[in-house]
Amino acid sequence: MVTNKKIIQIFGGNVCRKCINKKYRIHLVHTDCKYELPYPALCPNCKEMKNIVTGFRFSAYIKSMFKKKGRYS
């Protein structure tokens, strides 16, 4: 299951939704995540201006629970 604590351990901080989707191979949409600010900031992983995820809503936890464990989990 994807958690904010696990994201911070892996990436060294909060990152954008695109980086999370790429790492965990889940399809998170805008409404699945809680964001730091209402405007974009620099993602420390991909170095692009994106909205930075600081938490997840219940729907994101459900999506990650049913995801099969792969080599990226």
PDB file of N, CA and C in Angstrom:
ATOM      1  N   MET A   1       0.843  -1.175   0.000  1.00  0.00           N
ATOM      2  CA  MET A   1       0.000   0.000   0.000  1.00  0.00           C
ATOM      3  C   MET A   1       0.887   1.236   0.000  1.00  0.00           C
ATOM      4  N   VAL A   2       0.513   2.200  -0.763  1.00  0.00           N
ATOM      5  CA  VAL A   2       1.268   3.445  -0.861  1.00  0.00           C
ATOM      6  C   VAL A   2       0.852   4.377   0.286  1.00  0.00           C
ATOM      7  N   THR A   3       1.838   4.901   0.988  1.00  0.00           N
ATOM      8  CA  THR A   3       1.591   5.865   2.057  1.00  0.00           C
ATOM      9  C   THR A   3       2.547   7.034   1.886  1.00  0.00           C
ATOM     10  N   ASN A   4       2.200   8.140   2.495  1.00  0.00           N
ATOM     11  CA  ASN A   4       3.049   9.322   2.383  1.00  0.00           C
ATOM     12  C   ASN A   4       4.394   9.083   3.061  1.00  0.00           C
ATOM     13  N   LYS A   5       4.407   8.340   4.148  1.00  0.00           N
ATOM     14  CA  LYS A   5       5.650   8.026   4.853  1.00  0.00           C
ATOM     15  C   LYS A   5       6.594   7.214   3.957  1.00  0.00           C
ATOM     16  N   LYS A   6       6.029   6.262   3.217  1.00  0.00           N
ATOM     17  CA  LYS A   6       6.824   5.429   2.311  1.00  0.00           C
ATOM     18  C   LYS A   6       7.372   6.257   1.145  1.00  0.00           C
ATOM     19  N   ILE A   7       6.563   7.191   0.644  1.00  0.00           N
ATOM     20  CA  ILE A   7       6.998   8.072  -0.448  1.00  0.00           C
ATOM     21  C   ILE A   7       8.190   8.911  -0.005  1.00  0.00           C
ATOM     22  N   ILE A   8       8.105   9.466   1.199  1.00  0.00           N
ATOM     23  CA  ILE A   8       9.199  10.294   1.720  1.00  0.00           C
ATOM     24  C   ILE A   8      10.461   9.468   1.914  1.00  0.00           C
ATOM     25  N   GLN A   9      10.342   8.224   2.375  1.00  0.00           N
ATOM     26  CA  GLN A   9      11.508   7.354   2.547  1.00  0.00           C
ATOM     27  C   GLN A   9      12.161   7.032   1.214  1.00  0.00           C
ATOM     28  N   ILE A  10      11.364   6.763   0.199  1.00  0.00           N
ATOM     29  CA  ILE A  10      11.902   6.367  -1.108  1.00  0.00           C
ATOM     30  C   ILE A  10      12.504   7.552  -1.856  1.00  0.00           C
ATOM     31  N   PHE A  11      11.755   8.659  -1.940  1.00  0.00           N
ATOM     32  CA  PHE A  11      12.177   9.794  -2.749  1.00  0.00           C
ATOM     33  C   PHE A  11      12.924  10.860  -1.961  1.00  0.00           C
ATOM     34  N   GLY A  12      12.895  10.790  -0.647  1.00  0.00           N
ATOM     35  CA  GLY A  12      13.559  11.806   0.168  1.00  0.00           C
ATOM     36  C   GLY A  12      12.733  13.059   0.367  1.00  0.00           C
ATOM     37  N   GLY A  13      11.465  13.003   0.058  1.00  0.00           N
ATOM     38  CA  GLY A  13      10.558  14.134   0.207  1.00  0.00           C
ATOM     39  C   GLY A  13       9.293  13.901  -0.587  1.00  0.00           C
ATOM     40  N   ASN A  14       8.394  14.843  -0.538  1.00  0.00           N
ATOM     41  CA  ASN A  14       7.153  14.736  -1.301  1.00  0.00           C
ATOM     42  C   ASN A  14       7.422  15.002  -2.779  1.00  0.00           C
ATOM     43  N   VAL A  15       6.735  14.267  -3.638  1.00  0.00           N
ATOM     44  CA  VAL A  15       6.926  14.383  -5.091  1.00  0.00           C
ATOM     45  C   VAL A  15       5.582  14.573  -5.778  1.00  0.00           C
ATOM     46  N   CYS A  16       5.601  14.698  -7.091  1.00  0.00           N
ATOM     47  CA  CYS A  16       4.372  14.890  -7.858  1.00  0.00           C
ATOM     48  C   CYS A  16       3.645  13.562  -8.089  1.00  0.00           C
ATOM     49  N   ARG A  17       2.393  13.657  -8.505  1.00  0.00           N
ATOM     50  CA  ARG A  17       1.557  12.481  -8.747  1.00  0.00           C
ATOM     51  C   ARG A  17       2.105  11.635  -9.898  1.00  0.00           C
ATOM     52  N   LYS A  18       2.687  12.259 -10.899  1.00  0.00           N
ATOM     53  CA  LYS A  18       3.252  11.541 -12.041  1.00  0.00           C
ATOM     54  C   LYS A  18       4.371  10.599 -11.590  1.00  0.00           C
ATOM     55  N   CYS A  19       5.223  11.058 -10.697  1.00  0.00           N
ATOM     56  CA  CYS A  19       6.321  10.225 -10.190  1.00  0.00           C
ATOM     57  C   CYS A  19       5.799   9.053  -9.355  1.00  0.00           C
ATOM     58  N   ILE A  20       4.751   9.295  -8.585  1.00  0.00           N
ATOM     59  CA  ILE A  20       4.146   8.229  -7.778  1.00  0.00           C
ATOM     60  C   ILE A  20       3.513   7.188  -8.691  1.00  0.00           C
ATOM     61  N   ASN A  21       2.779   7.637  -9.708  1.00  0.00           N
ATOM     62  CA  ASN A  21       2.162   6.706 -10.655  1.00  0.00           C
ATOM     63  C   ASN A  21       3.211   5.872 -11.383  1.00  0.00           C
ATOM     64  N   LYS A  22       4.299   6.485 -11.742  1.00  0.00           N
ATOM     65  CA  LYS A  22       5.365   5.781 -12.452  1.00  0.00           C
ATOM     66  C   LYS A  22       6.037   4.740 -11.554  1.00  0.00           C
ATOM     67  N   LYS A  23       6.291   5.093 -10.303  1.00  0.00           N
ATOM     68  CA  LYS A  23       6.975   4.195  -9.368  1.00  0.00           C
ATOM     69  C   LYS A  23       6.100   3.002  -8.989  1.00  0.00           C
ATOM     70  N   TYR A  24       4.838   3.262  -8.640  1.00  0.00           N
ATOM     71  CA  TYR A  24       3.959   2.213  -8.133  1.00  0.00           C
ATOM     72  C   TYR A  24       3.044   1.603  -9.180  1.00  0.00           C
ATOM     73  N   ARG A  25       3.022   2.164 -10.385  1.00  0.00           N
ATOM     74  CA  ARG A  25       2.183   1.674 -11.480  1.00  0.00           C
ATOM     75  C   ARG A  25       0.710   1.622 -11.090  1.00  0.00           C
ATOM     76  N   ILE A  26       0.245   2.670 -10.442  1.00  0.00           N
ATOM     77  CA  ILE A  26      -1.170   2.827 -10.154  1.00  0.00           C
ATOM     78  C   ILE A  26      -1.644   4.099 -10.837  1.00  0.00           C
ATOM     79  N   HIS A  27      -2.917   4.160 -11.123  1.00  0.00           N
ATOM     80  CA  HIS A  27      -3.458   5.311 -11.860  1.00  0.00           C
ATOM     81  C   HIS A  27      -4.158   6.248 -10.883  1.00  0.00           C
ATOM     82  N   LEU A  28      -3.379   7.073 -10.191  1.00  0.00           N
ATOM     83  CA  LEU A  28      -3.956   8.068  -9.305  1.00  0.00           C
ATOM     84  C   LEU A  28      -4.408   9.267 -10.120  1.00  0.00           C
ATOM     85  N   VAL A  29      -5.587   9.756  -9.833  1.00  0.00           N
ATOM     86  CA  VAL A  29      -6.094  10.957 -10.485  1.00  0.00           C
ATOM     87  C   VAL A  29      -6.020  12.123  -9.507  1.00  0.00           C
ATOM     88  N   HIS A  30      -6.315  13.305  -9.990  1.00  0.00           N
ATOM     89  CA  HIS A  30      -6.186  14.528  -9.197  1.00  0.00           C
ATOM     90  C   HIS A  30      -6.956  14.445  -7.870  1.00  0.00           C
ATOM     91  N   THR A  31      -8.130  13.837  -7.891  1.00  0.00           N
ATOM     92  CA  THR A  31      -8.966  13.787  -6.694  1.00  0.00           C
ATOM     93  C   THR A  31      -8.514  12.746  -5.681  1.00  0.00           C
ATOM     94  N   ASP A  32      -7.570  11.881  -6.026  1.00  0.00           N
ATOM     95  CA  ASP A  32      -7.057  10.865  -5.101  1.00  0.00           C
ATOM     96  C   ASP A  32      -6.008  11.418  -4.144  1.00  0.00           C
ATOM     97  N   CYS A  33      -5.501  12.594  -4.414  1.00  0.00           N
ATOM     98  CA  CYS A  33      -4.362  13.122  -3.663  1.00  0.00           C
ATOM     99  C   CYS A  33      -4.695  14.435  -2.968  1.00  0.00           C
ATOM    100  N   LYS A  34      -3.947  14.695  -1.895  1.00  0.00           N
ATOM    101  CA  LYS A  34      -3.987  15.991  -1.212  1.00  0.00           C
ATOM    102  C   LYS A  34      -2.695  16.706  -1.588  1.00  0.00           C
ATOM    103  N   TYR A  35      -2.812  18.004  -1.843  1.00  0.00           N
ATOM    104  CA  TYR A  35      -1.675  18.744  -2.366  1.00  0.00           C
ATOM    105  C   TYR A  35      -1.170  19.791  -1.388  1.00  0.00           C
ATOM    106  N   GLU A  36       0.120  20.084  -1.500  1.00  0.00           N
ATOM    107  CA  GLU A  36       0.805  21.027  -0.624  1.00  0.00           C
ATOM    108  C   GLU A  36       0.292  22.448  -0.805  1.00  0.00           C
ATOM    109  N   LEU A  37       0.264  22.902  -2.012  1.00  0.00           N
ATOM    110  CA  LEU A  37      -0.130  24.271  -2.326  1.00  0.00           C
ATOM    111  C   LEU A  37      -1.097  24.249  -3.503  1.00  0.00           C
ATOM    112  N   PRO A  38      -1.890  25.291  -3.681  1.00  0.00           N
ATOM    113  CA  PRO A  38      -2.818  25.313  -4.817  1.00  0.00           C
ATOM    114  C   PRO A  38      -2.144  25.616  -6.156  1.00  0.00           C
ATOM    115  N   TYR A  39      -0.846  25.817  -6.150  1.00  0.00           N
ATOM    116  CA  TYR A  39      -0.134  26.104  -7.394  1.00  0.00           C
ATOM    117  C   TYR A  39       1.104  25.209  -7.492  1.00  0.00           C
ATOM    118  N   PRO A  40       1.623  25.002  -8.686  1.00  0.00           N
ATOM    119  CA  PRO A  40       2.746  24.084  -8.899  1.00  0.00           C
ATOM    120  C   PRO A  40       4.040  24.523  -8.208  1.00  0.00           C
ATOM    121  N   ALA A  41       4.840  23.525  -7.888  1.00  0.00           N
ATOM    122  CA  ALA A  41       6.177  23.737  -7.332  1.00  0.00           C
ATOM    123  C   ALA A  41       7.118  22.757  -8.028  1.00  0.00           C
ATOM    124  N   LEU A  42       8.382  22.893  -7.797  1.00  0.00           N
ATOM    125  CA  LEU A  42       9.380  22.028  -8.425  1.00  0.00           C
ATOM    126  C   LEU A  42       9.405  20.661  -7.751  1.00  0.00           C
ATOM    127  N   CYS A  43       9.178  19.610  -8.527  1.00  0.00           N
ATOM    128  CA  CYS A  43       9.240  18.244  -8.012  1.00  0.00           C
ATOM    129  C   CYS A  43      10.713  17.861  -7.864  1.00  0.00           C
ATOM    130  N   PRO A  44      11.135  17.405  -6.686  1.00  0.00           N
ATOM    131  CA  PRO A  44      12.545  17.070  -6.493  1.00  0.00           C
ATOM    132  C   PRO A  44      13.003  15.829  -7.274  1.00  0.00           C
ATOM    133  N   ASN A  45      12.055  15.011  -7.734  1.00  0.00           N
ATOM    134  CA  ASN A  45      12.415  13.790  -8.452  1.00  0.00           C
ATOM    135  C   ASN A  45      12.555  14.028  -9.959  1.00  0.00           C
ATOM    136  N   CYS A  46      11.527  14.575 -10.600  1.00  0.00           N
ATOM    137  CA  CYS A  46      11.551  14.746 -12.059  1.00  0.00           C
ATOM    138  C   CYS A  46      11.982  16.142 -12.494  1.00  0.00           C
ATOM    139  N   LYS A  47      12.140  17.053 -11.541  1.00  0.00           N
ATOM    140  CA  LYS A  47      12.591  18.430 -11.809  1.00  0.00           C
ATOM    141  C   LYS A  47      11.649  19.207 -12.725  1.00  0.00           C
ATOM    142  N   GLU A  48      10.340  18.904 -12.662  1.00  0.00           N
ATOM    143  CA  GLU A  48       9.332  19.622 -13.425  1.00  0.00           C
ATOM    144  C   GLU A  48       8.431  20.386 -12.458  1.00  0.00           C
ATOM    145  N   MET A  49       7.794  21.431 -12.965  1.00  0.00           N
ATOM    146  CA  MET A  49       6.846  22.187 -12.152  1.00  0.00           C
ATOM    147  C   MET A  49       5.515  21.443 -12.120  1.00  0.00           C
ATOM    148  N   LYS A  50       5.198  20.857 -10.988  1.00  0.00           N
ATOM    149  CA  LYS A  50       3.978  20.063 -10.817  1.00  0.00           C
ATOM    150  C   LYS A  50       3.387  20.361  -9.449  1.00  0.00           C
ATOM    151  N   ASN A  51       2.153  19.900  -9.220  1.00  0.00           N
ATOM    152  CA  ASN A  51       1.561  19.970  -7.894  1.00  0.00           C
ATOM    153  C   ASN A  51       2.159  18.859  -7.040  1.00  0.00           C
ATOM    154  N   ILE A  52       2.614  19.200  -5.844  1.00  0.00           N
ATOM    155  CA  ILE A  52       3.308  18.255  -4.970  1.00  0.00           C
ATOM    156  C   ILE A  52       2.300  17.581  -4.031  1.00  0.00           C
ATOM    157  N   VAL A  53       2.308  16.254  -4.011  1.00  0.00           N
ATOM    158  CA  VAL A  53       1.392  15.463  -3.200  1.00  0.00           C
ATOM    159  C   VAL A  53       1.910  15.389  -1.765  1.00  0.00           C
ATOM    160  N   THR A  54       1.030  15.699  -0.802  1.00  0.00           N
ATOM    161  CA  THR A  54       1.407  15.601   0.612  1.00  0.00           C
ATOM    162  C   THR A  54       0.612  14.555   1.356  1.00  0.00           C
ATOM    163  N   GLY A  55      -0.399  13.996   0.724  1.00  0.00           N
ATOM    164  CA  GLY A  55      -1.208  12.975   1.368  1.00  0.00           C
ATOM    165  C   GLY A  55      -2.135  12.325   0.360  1.00  0.00           C
ATOM    166  N   PHE A  56      -2.841  11.310   0.840  1.00  0.00           N
ATOM    167  CA  PHE A  56      -3.732  10.554  -0.037  1.00  0.00           C
ATOM    168  C   PHE A  56      -5.120  10.466   0.563  1.00  0.00           C
ATOM    169  N   ARG A  57      -6.109  10.441  -0.291  1.00  0.00           N
ATOM    170  CA  ARG A  57      -7.489  10.244   0.134  1.00  0.00           C
ATOM    171  C   ARG A  57      -7.764   8.746   0.172  1.00  0.00           C
ATOM    172  N   PHE A  58      -8.914   8.375   0.695  1.00  0.00           N
ATOM    173  CA  PHE A  58      -9.275   6.971   0.862  1.00  0.00           C
ATOM    174  C   PHE A  58      -9.248   6.220  -0.468  1.00  0.00           C
ATOM    175  N   SER A  59      -9.665   6.863  -1.540  1.00  0.00           N
ATOM    176  CA  SER A  59      -9.709   6.206  -2.854  1.00  0.00           C
ATOM    177  C   SER A  59      -8.313   5.779  -3.318  1.00  0.00           C
ATOM    178  N   ALA A  60      -7.301   6.538  -2.978  1.00  0.00           N
ATOM    179  CA  ALA A  60      -5.930   6.178  -3.363  1.00  0.00           C
ATOM    180  C   ALA A  60      -5.463   4.941  -2.589  1.00  0.00           C
ATOM    181  N   TYR A  61      -5.837   4.843  -1.324  1.00  0.00           N
ATOM    182  CA  TYR A  61      -5.472   3.663  -0.536  1.00  0.00           C
ATOM    183  C   TYR A  61      -6.141   2.411  -1.093  1.00  0.00           C
ATOM    184  N   ILE A  62      -7.398   2.549  -1.507  1.00  0.00           N
ATOM    185  CA  ILE A  62      -8.115   1.409  -2.092  1.00  0.00           C
ATOM    186  C   ILE A  62      -7.444   0.969  -3.395  1.00  0.00           C
ATOM    187  N   LYS A  63      -7.077   1.919  -4.242  1.00  0.00           N
ATOM    188  CA  LYS A  63      -6.402   1.582  -5.502  1.00  0.00           C
ATOM    189  C   LYS A  63      -5.083   0.871  -5.252  1.00  0.00           C
ATOM    190  N   SER A  64      -4.327   1.303  -4.260  1.00  0.00           N
ATOM    191  CA  SER A  64      -3.020   0.704  -4.013  1.00  0.00           C
ATOM    192  C   SER A  64      -3.131  -0.646  -3.314  1.00  0.00           C
ATOM    193  N   MET A  65      -4.218  -0.892  -2.585  1.00  0.00           N
ATOM    194  CA  MET A  65      -4.393  -2.180  -1.912  1.00  0.00           C
ATOM    195  C   MET A  65      -4.625  -3.307  -2.910  1.00  0.00           C
ATOM    196  N   PHE A  66      -5.349  -3.016  -3.976  1.00  0.00           N
ATOM    197  CA  PHE A  66      -5.675  -4.051  -4.946  1.00  0.00           C
ATOM    198  C   PHE A  66      -4.636  -4.194  -6.050  1.00  0.00           C
ATOM    199  N   LYS A  67      -3.585  -3.416  -5.977  1.00  0.00           N
ATOM    200  CA  LYS A  67      -2.502  -3.512  -6.952  1.00  0.00           C
ATOM    201  C   LYS A  67      -1.622  -4.700  -6.586  1.00  0.00           C
ATOM    202  N   LYS A  68      -1.302  -5.543  -7.562  1.00  0.00           N
ATOM    203  CA  LYS A  68      -0.420  -6.676  -7.305  1.00  0.00           C
ATOM    204  C   LYS A  68       0.980  -6.184  -7.012  1.00  0.00           C
ATOM    205  N   LYS A  69       1.650  -6.853  -6.122  1.00  0.00           N
ATOM    206  CA  LYS A  69       3.015  -6.476  -5.784  1.00  0.00           C
ATOM    207  C   LYS A  69       3.915  -6.834  -6.958  1.00  0.00           C
ATOM    208  N   GLY A  70       4.654  -5.866  -7.400  1.00  0.00           N
ATOM    209  CA  GLY A  70       5.594  -6.079  -8.496  1.00  0.00           C
ATOM    210  C   GLY A  70       6.987  -5.747  -8.042  1.00  0.00           C
ATOM    211  N   ARG A  71       7.870  -5.608  -8.974  1.00  0.00           N
ATOM    212  CA  ARG A  71       9.247  -5.303  -8.596  1.00  0.00           C
ATOM    213  C   ARG A  71       9.418  -3.856  -8.182  1.00  0.00           C
ATOM    214  N   TYR A  72       8.425  -3.007  -8.435  1.00  0.00           N
ATOM    215  CA  TYR A  72       8.513  -1.606  -8.078  1.00  0.00           C
ATOM    216  C   TYR A  72       7.793  -1.289  -6.760  1.00  0.00           C
ATOM    217  N   SER A  73       7.132  -2.240  -6.137  1.00  0.00           N
ATOM    218  CA  SER A  73       6.383  -1.978  -4.910  1.00  0.00           C
ATOM    219  C   SER A  73       7.261  -1.950  -3.696  1.00  0.00           C
TER     220      SER A  73
END
